[in-house]
Each structure stands twice: as C-alpha cells, then as structure tokens.
Amino acid sequence: MRFVGFPDGLRQTDEEMQEWLCRSSSHRPTVKHFSIYEDAEYCGEAFCEVDREHNNSAALDIKLFSFARGRGIASQALSFAIEEAFKNGAKTVWVDHNPQNVKAIALYKRLGFKQKAMPGYLTSEGENTQSIYMELCRE
C-alpha cells in the first residue's frame, strides 16, 4: 500500500469497507472488484473500471500481500481483470504506478503494457504527477 499513498494501510473500519464494496458493486459491469485467493487463502485484490467517456479505456489496479508476491499470482489476476475489461467494452487498459515500484513495472511489461504520456483527462490542470502511465491495447 505504500506505493499508492497508504504506507500504514487503509485503516478503514469494516463498515467503511462494506460501504465501499456496495458503491463499487452498484456500477457493474463497468466497475469490477476481484478478491484474489490461492488455496483458499486471501492474497489481495484487483480492480478494473471502464471509462465510457474517454475512449472506453479501463483503469486497472492490483494490491497483494507481500507473502503472495513473486509467485505469478499478480500476473494471473491482472490477466483476468484485463480480459474482463475487454469483455465489457474497453479498447485499452491502463495503469499508473509509482516509478520506484520496479517489480510492478516489470510485471506490466511482461503483460505487454507500453509506457506512454499520461492523458490529459487523468491529471488536474497544473498537476505534476510522478506516476508512470502504461497501457495495453485490445488489438
């Protein structure tokens, strides 16, 4: 979580997480949240959101516990989220991540993502983002 601005975790109550899940679920199929398990053990989560207003691009996100990293779980989970986004109308999928997260960069490259300039609609005017933007096209 430190790479996404929460070095000490989300610190959300069960009630706050339940409210978030209800909000997220109400926007299906353009917004999907996936819990990731291996052998009945919770390993993390993945997320995709298709943006119909901006060329049907889909944002992706994944978070794994440290014990689940380096075992192919993220690759499998992201591949699933990518396919779900494409099935629900996405033409491209994208990620933006911290440039210090070299393992994430390597993962996205293995999955075929290419680094590109951050689209203007993803940043506020005058904002200087340090994130790296990468995308993968359906074709």
N, C-alpha and C. Protein backbone atom coordinates (compact mmCIF):
# COMPACT_ATOMS: atom_id res chain seq x y z
N MET A 1 0.82 -1.20 0.00
CA MET A 1 0.00 0.00 0.00
C MET A 1 0.86 1.26 0.00
N ARG A 2 2.13 1.13 0.37
CA ARG A 2 2.97 2.32 0.44
C ARG A 2 3.16 2.97 -0.93
N PHE A 3 3.12 2.17 -2.00
CA PHE A 3 3.30 2.73 -3.34
C PHE A 3 2.06 3.49 -3.82
N VAL A 4 0.94 3.32 -3.17
CA VAL A 4 -0.27 4.04 -3.57
C VAL A 4 -0.71 5.05 -2.52
N GLY A 5 0.23 5.45 -1.66
CA GLY A 5 -0.04 6.55 -0.74
C GLY A 5 -0.54 6.16 0.63
N PHE A 6 -0.52 4.87 0.97
CA PHE A 6 -1.00 4.42 2.27
C PHE A 6 0.06 3.54 2.93
N PRO A 7 1.16 4.14 3.41
CA PRO A 7 2.25 3.33 3.96
C PRO A 7 1.86 2.51 5.18
N ASP A 8 0.82 2.91 5.88
CA ASP A 8 0.36 2.17 7.06
C ASP A 8 -0.94 1.41 6.79
N GLY A 9 -1.28 1.19 5.52
CA GLY A 9 -2.52 0.51 5.18
C GLY A 9 -3.68 1.50 5.11
N LEU A 10 -4.84 1.01 4.76
CA LEU A 10 -6.02 1.89 4.59
C LEU A 10 -6.59 2.39 5.91
N ARG A 11 -6.50 1.57 6.92
CA ARG A 11 -7.06 1.92 8.24
C ARG A 11 -8.56 2.27 8.14
N GLN A 12 -9.30 1.42 7.46
CA GLN A 12 -10.73 1.58 7.31
C GLN A 12 -11.45 0.60 8.22
N THR A 13 -12.60 1.00 8.70
CA THR A 13 -13.41 0.11 9.52
C THR A 13 -14.12 -0.89 8.62
N ASP A 14 -14.63 -1.95 9.21
CA ASP A 14 -15.41 -2.93 8.44
C ASP A 14 -16.61 -2.25 7.79
N GLU A 15 -17.25 -1.34 8.51
CA GLU A 15 -18.41 -0.63 7.98
C GLU A 15 -18.02 0.22 6.77
N GLU A 16 -16.91 0.93 6.84
CA GLU A 16 -16.45 1.76 5.72
C GLU A 16 -16.11 0.89 4.51
N MET A 17 -15.51 -0.26 4.74
CA MET A 17 -15.19 -1.16 3.64
C MET A 17 -16.46 -1.74 3.02
N GLN A 18 -17.46 -2.04 3.83
CA GLN A 18 -18.73 -2.55 3.32
C GLN A 18 -19.42 -1.49 2.45
N GLU A 19 -19.40 -0.23 2.89
CA GLU A 19 -19.98 0.85 2.10
C GLU A 19 -19.26 0.99 0.76
N TRP A 20 -17.92 0.90 0.79
CA TRP A 20 -17.14 0.97 -0.45
C TRP A 20 -17.53 -0.17 -1.39
N LEU A 21 -17.64 -1.38 -0.86
CA LEU A 21 -17.99 -2.52 -1.69
C LEU A 21 -19.37 -2.36 -2.31
N CYS A 22 -20.31 -1.86 -1.56
CA CYS A 22 -21.67 -1.63 -2.09
C CYS A 22 -21.64 -0.59 -3.21
N ARG A 23 -20.90 0.50 -3.01
CA ARG A 23 -20.78 1.53 -4.07
C ARG A 23 -20.14 0.93 -5.31
N SER A 24 -19.09 0.19 -5.12
CA SER A 24 -18.37 -0.42 -6.24
C SER A 24 -19.26 -1.40 -6.99
N SER A 25 -19.97 -2.24 -6.27
CA SER A 25 -20.83 -3.25 -6.89
C SER A 25 -21.99 -2.64 -7.65
N SER A 26 -22.43 -1.47 -7.26
CA SER A 26 -23.59 -0.85 -7.91
C SER A 26 -23.27 -0.33 -9.32
N HIS A 27 -22.00 -0.30 -9.69
CA HIS A 27 -21.60 0.21 -11.01
C HIS A 27 -21.18 -0.89 -11.98
N ARG A 28 -21.50 -2.12 -11.66
CA ARG A 28 -21.16 -3.22 -12.56
C ARG A 28 -21.97 -3.11 -13.84
N PRO A 29 -21.50 -3.49 -15.01
CA PRO A 29 -20.26 -4.20 -15.24
C PRO A 29 -19.06 -3.30 -15.56
N THR A 30 -19.25 -1.97 -15.54
CA THR A 30 -18.11 -1.11 -15.89
C THR A 30 -17.10 -1.00 -14.77
N VAL A 31 -17.49 -1.31 -13.55
CA VAL A 31 -16.57 -1.31 -12.41
C VAL A 31 -16.62 -2.70 -11.80
N LYS A 32 -15.45 -3.32 -11.68
CA LYS A 32 -15.40 -4.67 -11.10
C LYS A 32 -14.25 -4.76 -10.11
N HIS A 33 -14.53 -5.40 -9.01
CA HIS A 33 -13.55 -5.65 -7.96
C HIS A 33 -13.42 -7.16 -7.82
N PHE A 34 -12.18 -7.64 -7.75
CA PHE A 34 -11.93 -9.07 -7.64
C PHE A 34 -11.09 -9.36 -6.41
N SER A 35 -11.53 -10.29 -5.61
CA SER A 35 -10.72 -10.78 -4.50
C SER A 35 -9.85 -11.91 -5.03
N ILE A 36 -8.60 -11.93 -4.62
CA ILE A 36 -7.64 -12.90 -5.13
C ILE A 36 -7.33 -13.91 -4.04
N TYR A 37 -7.53 -15.19 -4.37
CA TYR A 37 -7.27 -16.27 -3.43
C TYR A 37 -6.34 -17.29 -4.08
N GLU A 38 -5.54 -17.93 -3.26
CA GLU A 38 -4.77 -19.10 -3.68
C GLU A 38 -4.93 -20.14 -2.58
N ASP A 39 -5.41 -21.31 -2.98
CA ASP A 39 -5.65 -22.38 -2.00
C ASP A 39 -6.45 -21.89 -0.80
N ALA A 40 -7.53 -21.18 -1.07
CA ALA A 40 -8.46 -20.66 -0.06
C ALA A 40 -7.85 -19.60 0.85
N GLU A 41 -6.67 -19.09 0.52
CA GLU A 41 -6.04 -18.03 1.31
C GLU A 41 -6.15 -16.70 0.56
N TYR A 42 -6.69 -15.69 1.25
CA TYR A 42 -6.84 -14.37 0.64
C TYR A 42 -5.47 -13.75 0.41
N CYS A 43 -5.21 -13.35 -0.83
CA CYS A 43 -3.90 -12.82 -1.22
C CYS A 43 -3.94 -11.33 -1.56
N GLY A 44 -5.12 -10.80 -1.91
CA GLY A 44 -5.20 -9.40 -2.28
C GLY A 44 -6.43 -9.12 -3.13
N GLU A 45 -6.33 -8.05 -3.92
CA GLU A 45 -7.47 -7.64 -4.73
C GLU A 45 -7.00 -7.03 -6.04
N ALA A 46 -7.90 -7.09 -7.02
CA ALA A 46 -7.68 -6.43 -8.31
C ALA A 46 -8.95 -5.65 -8.62
N PHE A 47 -8.83 -4.70 -9.53
CA PHE A 47 -9.92 -3.78 -9.81
C PHE A 47 -9.81 -3.34 -11.27
N CYS A 48 -10.94 -3.17 -11.94
CA CYS A 48 -10.94 -2.54 -13.26
C CYS A 48 -12.18 -1.66 -13.38
N GLU A 49 -12.02 -0.55 -14.09
CA GLU A 49 -13.13 0.38 -14.32
C GLU A 49 -13.06 0.90 -15.74
N VAL A 50 -14.08 0.59 -16.52
CA VAL A 50 -14.16 1.04 -17.91
C VAL A 50 -14.75 2.45 -17.93
N ASP A 51 -14.04 3.35 -18.56
CA ASP A 51 -14.45 4.76 -18.67
C ASP A 51 -15.05 4.98 -20.05
N ARG A 52 -16.36 5.01 -20.11
CA ARG A 52 -17.08 5.16 -21.39
C ARG A 52 -16.87 6.56 -22.00
N GLU A 53 -16.59 7.55 -21.17
CA GLU A 53 -16.42 8.92 -21.66
C GLU A 53 -15.08 9.17 -22.33
N HIS A 54 -14.09 8.35 -22.05
CA HIS A 54 -12.75 8.57 -22.58
C HIS A 54 -12.28 7.36 -23.37
N ASN A 55 -12.89 7.18 -24.53
CA ASN A 55 -12.47 6.16 -25.50
C ASN A 55 -12.53 4.74 -24.94
N ASN A 56 -13.44 4.50 -24.01
CA ASN A 56 -13.58 3.16 -23.42
C ASN A 56 -12.26 2.60 -22.91
N SER A 57 -11.51 3.45 -22.23
CA SER A 57 -10.27 2.99 -21.60
C SER A 57 -10.61 2.48 -20.20
N ALA A 58 -9.84 1.53 -19.72
CA ALA A 58 -10.13 0.94 -18.42
C ALA A 58 -8.92 1.06 -17.50
N ALA A 59 -9.16 1.60 -16.32
CA ALA A 59 -8.13 1.67 -15.28
C ALA A 59 -8.04 0.31 -14.60
N LEU A 60 -6.82 -0.11 -14.30
CA LEU A 60 -6.58 -1.36 -13.58
C LEU A 60 -5.80 -1.06 -12.31
N ASP A 61 -5.99 -1.91 -11.33
CA ASP A 61 -5.23 -1.79 -10.09
C ASP A 61 -5.14 -3.17 -9.45
N ILE A 62 -4.06 -3.40 -8.74
CA ILE A 62 -3.90 -4.65 -8.01
C ILE A 62 -3.11 -4.37 -6.74
N LYS A 63 -3.48 -5.07 -5.69
CA LYS A 63 -2.76 -5.00 -4.42
C LYS A 63 -2.65 -6.41 -3.88
N LEU A 64 -1.43 -6.82 -3.55
CA LEU A 64 -1.21 -8.15 -3.00
C LEU A 64 -0.46 -8.04 -1.68
N PHE A 65 -0.77 -8.93 -0.78
CA PHE A 65 0.04 -9.06 0.43
C PHE A 65 1.43 -9.51 0.03
N SER A 66 2.42 -9.17 0.82
CA SER A 66 3.81 -9.49 0.48
C SER A 66 4.03 -10.99 0.34
N PHE A 67 3.35 -11.82 1.11
CA PHE A 67 3.56 -13.26 1.02
C PHE A 67 3.12 -13.83 -0.33
N ALA A 68 2.26 -13.09 -1.05
CA ALA A 68 1.72 -13.58 -2.32
C ALA A 68 2.50 -13.08 -3.54
N ARG A 69 3.51 -12.28 -3.32
CA ARG A 69 4.25 -11.69 -4.44
C ARG A 69 5.33 -12.65 -4.94
N GLY A 70 5.65 -12.49 -6.23
CA GLY A 70 6.73 -13.27 -6.82
C GLY A 70 6.37 -14.70 -7.13
N ARG A 71 5.08 -15.00 -7.20
CA ARG A 71 4.64 -16.39 -7.44
C ARG A 71 3.71 -16.51 -8.63
N GLY A 72 3.58 -15.44 -9.42
CA GLY A 72 2.72 -15.48 -10.60
C GLY A 72 1.26 -15.14 -10.34
N ILE A 73 0.93 -14.88 -9.09
CA ILE A 73 -0.46 -14.58 -8.73
C ILE A 73 -0.90 -13.26 -9.36
N ALA A 74 -0.06 -12.24 -9.29
CA ALA A 74 -0.41 -10.93 -9.85
C ALA A 74 -0.61 -11.02 -11.36
N SER A 75 0.26 -11.74 -12.04
CA SER A 75 0.14 -11.90 -13.48
C SER A 75 -1.19 -12.56 -13.85
N GLN A 76 -1.54 -13.60 -13.16
CA GLN A 76 -2.79 -14.31 -13.41
C GLN A 76 -4.00 -13.41 -13.09
N ALA A 77 -3.95 -12.73 -11.98
CA ALA A 77 -5.07 -11.88 -11.57
C ALA A 77 -5.25 -10.70 -12.53
N LEU A 78 -4.15 -10.05 -12.90
CA LEU A 78 -4.25 -8.93 -13.84
C LEU A 78 -4.72 -9.39 -15.21
N SER A 79 -4.26 -10.54 -15.65
CA SER A 79 -4.71 -11.07 -16.94
C SER A 79 -6.22 -11.27 -16.93
N PHE A 80 -6.74 -11.77 -15.81
CA PHE A 80 -8.19 -11.94 -15.67
C PHE A 80 -8.90 -10.59 -15.71
N ALA A 81 -8.39 -9.61 -14.96
CA ALA A 81 -9.01 -8.28 -14.94
C ALA A 81 -8.97 -7.63 -16.32
N ILE A 82 -7.88 -7.81 -17.04
CA ILE A 82 -7.75 -7.27 -18.40
C ILE A 82 -8.83 -7.87 -19.30
N GLU A 83 -8.98 -9.18 -19.26
CA GLU A 83 -10.00 -9.84 -20.08
C GLU A 83 -11.40 -9.37 -19.72
N GLU A 84 -11.68 -9.19 -18.44
CA GLU A 84 -12.98 -8.69 -18.01
C GLU A 84 -13.22 -7.28 -18.55
N ALA A 85 -12.21 -6.44 -18.50
CA ALA A 85 -12.35 -5.07 -19.03
C ALA A 85 -12.64 -5.11 -20.52
N PHE A 86 -11.91 -5.93 -21.26
CA PHE A 86 -12.14 -6.04 -22.70
C PHE A 86 -13.52 -6.61 -23.00
N LYS A 87 -13.97 -7.59 -22.23
CA LYS A 87 -15.31 -8.16 -22.42
C LYS A 87 -16.39 -7.12 -22.19
N ASN A 88 -16.09 -6.11 -21.37
CA ASN A 88 -17.09 -5.09 -21.05
C ASN A 88 -16.86 -3.79 -21.81
N GLY A 89 -16.21 -3.89 -22.97
CA GLY A 89 -16.15 -2.76 -23.89
C GLY A 89 -14.87 -1.95 -23.90
N ALA A 90 -13.91 -2.26 -23.07
CA ALA A 90 -12.66 -1.47 -23.07
C ALA A 90 -11.89 -1.71 -24.37
N LYS A 91 -11.35 -0.63 -24.91
CA LYS A 91 -10.47 -0.72 -26.08
C LYS A 91 -9.01 -0.76 -25.63
N THR A 92 -8.74 -0.10 -24.52
CA THR A 92 -7.41 -0.13 -23.91
C THR A 92 -7.57 -0.28 -22.41
N VAL A 93 -6.53 -0.81 -21.78
CA VAL A 93 -6.46 -0.85 -20.32
C VAL A 93 -5.19 -0.11 -19.93
N TRP A 94 -5.22 0.51 -18.76
CA TRP A 94 -4.05 1.29 -18.35
C TRP A 94 -3.80 1.17 -16.85
N VAL A 95 -2.56 1.45 -16.51
CA VAL A 95 -2.13 1.50 -15.12
C VAL A 95 -1.29 2.76 -14.95
N ASP A 96 -1.28 3.31 -13.77
CA ASP A 96 -0.33 4.36 -13.43
C ASP A 96 0.24 4.00 -12.07
N HIS A 97 1.53 4.00 -11.99
CA HIS A 97 2.16 3.48 -10.78
C HIS A 97 3.38 4.30 -10.41
N ASN A 98 3.81 4.08 -9.21
CA ASN A 98 4.97 4.77 -8.67
C ASN A 98 6.22 4.30 -9.40
N PRO A 99 7.07 5.23 -9.87
CA PRO A 99 8.28 4.82 -10.61
C PRO A 99 9.27 4.01 -9.76
N GLN A 100 9.13 4.05 -8.45
CA GLN A 100 10.02 3.26 -7.58
C GLN A 100 9.57 1.80 -7.46
N ASN A 101 8.38 1.52 -7.92
CA ASN A 101 7.85 0.16 -7.82
C ASN A 101 8.32 -0.65 -9.04
N VAL A 102 9.59 -1.01 -9.02
CA VAL A 102 10.21 -1.67 -10.18
C VAL A 102 9.62 -3.05 -10.45
N LYS A 103 9.14 -3.73 -9.44
CA LYS A 103 8.53 -5.04 -9.66
C LYS A 103 7.21 -4.90 -10.42
N ALA A 104 6.45 -3.85 -10.12
CA ALA A 104 5.21 -3.61 -10.86
C ALA A 104 5.51 -3.27 -12.31
N ILE A 105 6.51 -2.44 -12.54
CA ILE A 105 6.89 -2.07 -13.91
C ILE A 105 7.26 -3.33 -14.70
N ALA A 106 8.06 -4.20 -14.10
CA ALA A 106 8.45 -5.44 -14.78
C ALA A 106 7.23 -6.31 -15.09
N LEU A 107 6.30 -6.40 -14.15
CA LEU A 107 5.08 -7.17 -14.37
C LEU A 107 4.29 -6.61 -15.55
N TYR A 108 4.07 -5.31 -15.55
CA TYR A 108 3.28 -4.71 -16.63
C TYR A 108 3.97 -4.90 -17.98
N LYS A 109 5.27 -4.79 -18.03
CA LYS A 109 6.00 -5.02 -19.28
C LYS A 109 5.84 -6.47 -19.75
N ARG A 110 5.91 -7.42 -18.81
CA ARG A 110 5.72 -8.83 -19.17
C ARG A 110 4.33 -9.08 -19.76
N LEU A 111 3.34 -8.33 -19.28
CA LEU A 111 1.97 -8.48 -19.78
C LEU A 111 1.73 -7.71 -21.08
N GLY A 112 2.74 -6.96 -21.55
CA GLY A 112 2.62 -6.27 -22.83
C GLY A 112 2.30 -4.79 -22.76
N PHE A 113 2.24 -4.22 -21.57
CA PHE A 113 1.96 -2.79 -21.42
C PHE A 113 3.13 -1.97 -21.96
N LYS A 114 2.81 -0.83 -22.55
CA LYS A 114 3.80 0.11 -23.08
C LYS A 114 3.66 1.44 -22.36
N GLN A 115 4.79 2.04 -22.02
CA GLN A 115 4.77 3.35 -21.38
C GLN A 115 4.41 4.41 -22.40
N LYS A 116 3.51 5.31 -22.01
CA LYS A 116 3.07 6.41 -22.87
C LYS A 116 2.92 7.66 -22.03
N ALA A 117 2.66 8.77 -22.70
CA ALA A 117 2.40 10.02 -21.99
C ALA A 117 1.04 9.91 -21.28
N MET A 118 0.97 10.46 -20.10
CA MET A 118 -0.26 10.46 -19.32
C MET A 118 -1.32 11.30 -20.05
N PRO A 119 -2.50 10.73 -20.35
CA PRO A 119 -3.57 11.51 -20.99
C PRO A 119 -3.99 12.69 -20.11
N GLY A 120 -4.30 13.79 -20.74
CA GLY A 120 -4.66 14.99 -20.01
C GLY A 120 -5.86 14.84 -19.11
N TYR A 121 -6.82 14.02 -19.49
CA TYR A 121 -8.03 13.88 -18.66
C TYR A 121 -7.76 13.18 -17.33
N LEU A 122 -6.58 12.58 -17.16
CA LEU A 122 -6.26 11.90 -15.91
C LEU A 122 -5.54 12.78 -14.90
N THR A 123 -5.19 13.99 -15.29
CA THR A 123 -4.50 14.89 -14.38
C THR A 123 -5.25 16.20 -14.27
N SER A 124 -5.11 16.84 -13.15
CA SER A 124 -5.68 18.17 -12.96
C SER A 124 -4.76 19.19 -13.62
N GLU A 125 -5.32 20.30 -14.03
CA GLU A 125 -4.52 21.34 -14.66
C GLU A 125 -3.41 21.80 -13.71
N GLY A 126 -2.20 21.81 -14.22
CA GLY A 126 -1.06 22.25 -13.44
C GLY A 126 -0.46 21.17 -12.54
N GLU A 127 -1.11 20.00 -12.48
CA GLU A 127 -0.61 18.93 -11.63
C GLU A 127 0.64 18.31 -12.24
N ASN A 128 1.62 18.08 -11.42
CA ASN A 128 2.86 17.44 -11.85
C ASN A 128 2.90 16.05 -11.24
N THR A 129 2.42 15.07 -11.97
CA THR A 129 2.37 13.72 -11.44
C THR A 129 3.70 13.00 -11.64
N GLN A 130 4.05 12.20 -10.68
CA GLN A 130 5.27 11.41 -10.77
C GLN A 130 4.97 9.98 -11.23
N SER A 131 3.71 9.67 -11.42
CA SER A 131 3.32 8.32 -11.82
C SER A 131 3.78 8.01 -13.23
N ILE A 132 4.01 6.73 -13.46
CA ILE A 132 4.30 6.24 -14.80
C ILE A 132 3.00 5.68 -15.36
N TYR A 133 2.64 6.11 -16.55
CA TYR A 133 1.42 5.66 -17.21
C TYR A 133 1.81 4.61 -18.25
N MET A 134 1.13 3.48 -18.22
CA MET A 134 1.35 2.42 -19.20
C MET A 134 -0.01 1.91 -19.67
N GLU A 135 -0.09 1.53 -20.95
CA GLU A 135 -1.35 0.99 -21.44
C GLU A 135 -1.13 -0.20 -22.36
N LEU A 136 -2.21 -0.94 -22.51
CA LEU A 136 -2.25 -2.13 -23.34
C LEU A 136 -3.50 -2.02 -24.20
N CYS A 137 -3.34 -2.18 -25.51
CA CYS A 137 -4.49 -2.12 -26.42
C CYS A 137 -5.05 -3.51 -26.66
N ARG A 138 -6.34 -3.54 -26.93
CA ARG A 138 -7.02 -4.81 -27.16
C ARG A 138 -6.46 -5.53 -28.38
N GLU A 139 -6.13 -4.80 -29.42
CA GLU A 139 -5.63 -5.43 -30.65
C GLU A 139 -4.27 -6.02 -30.44
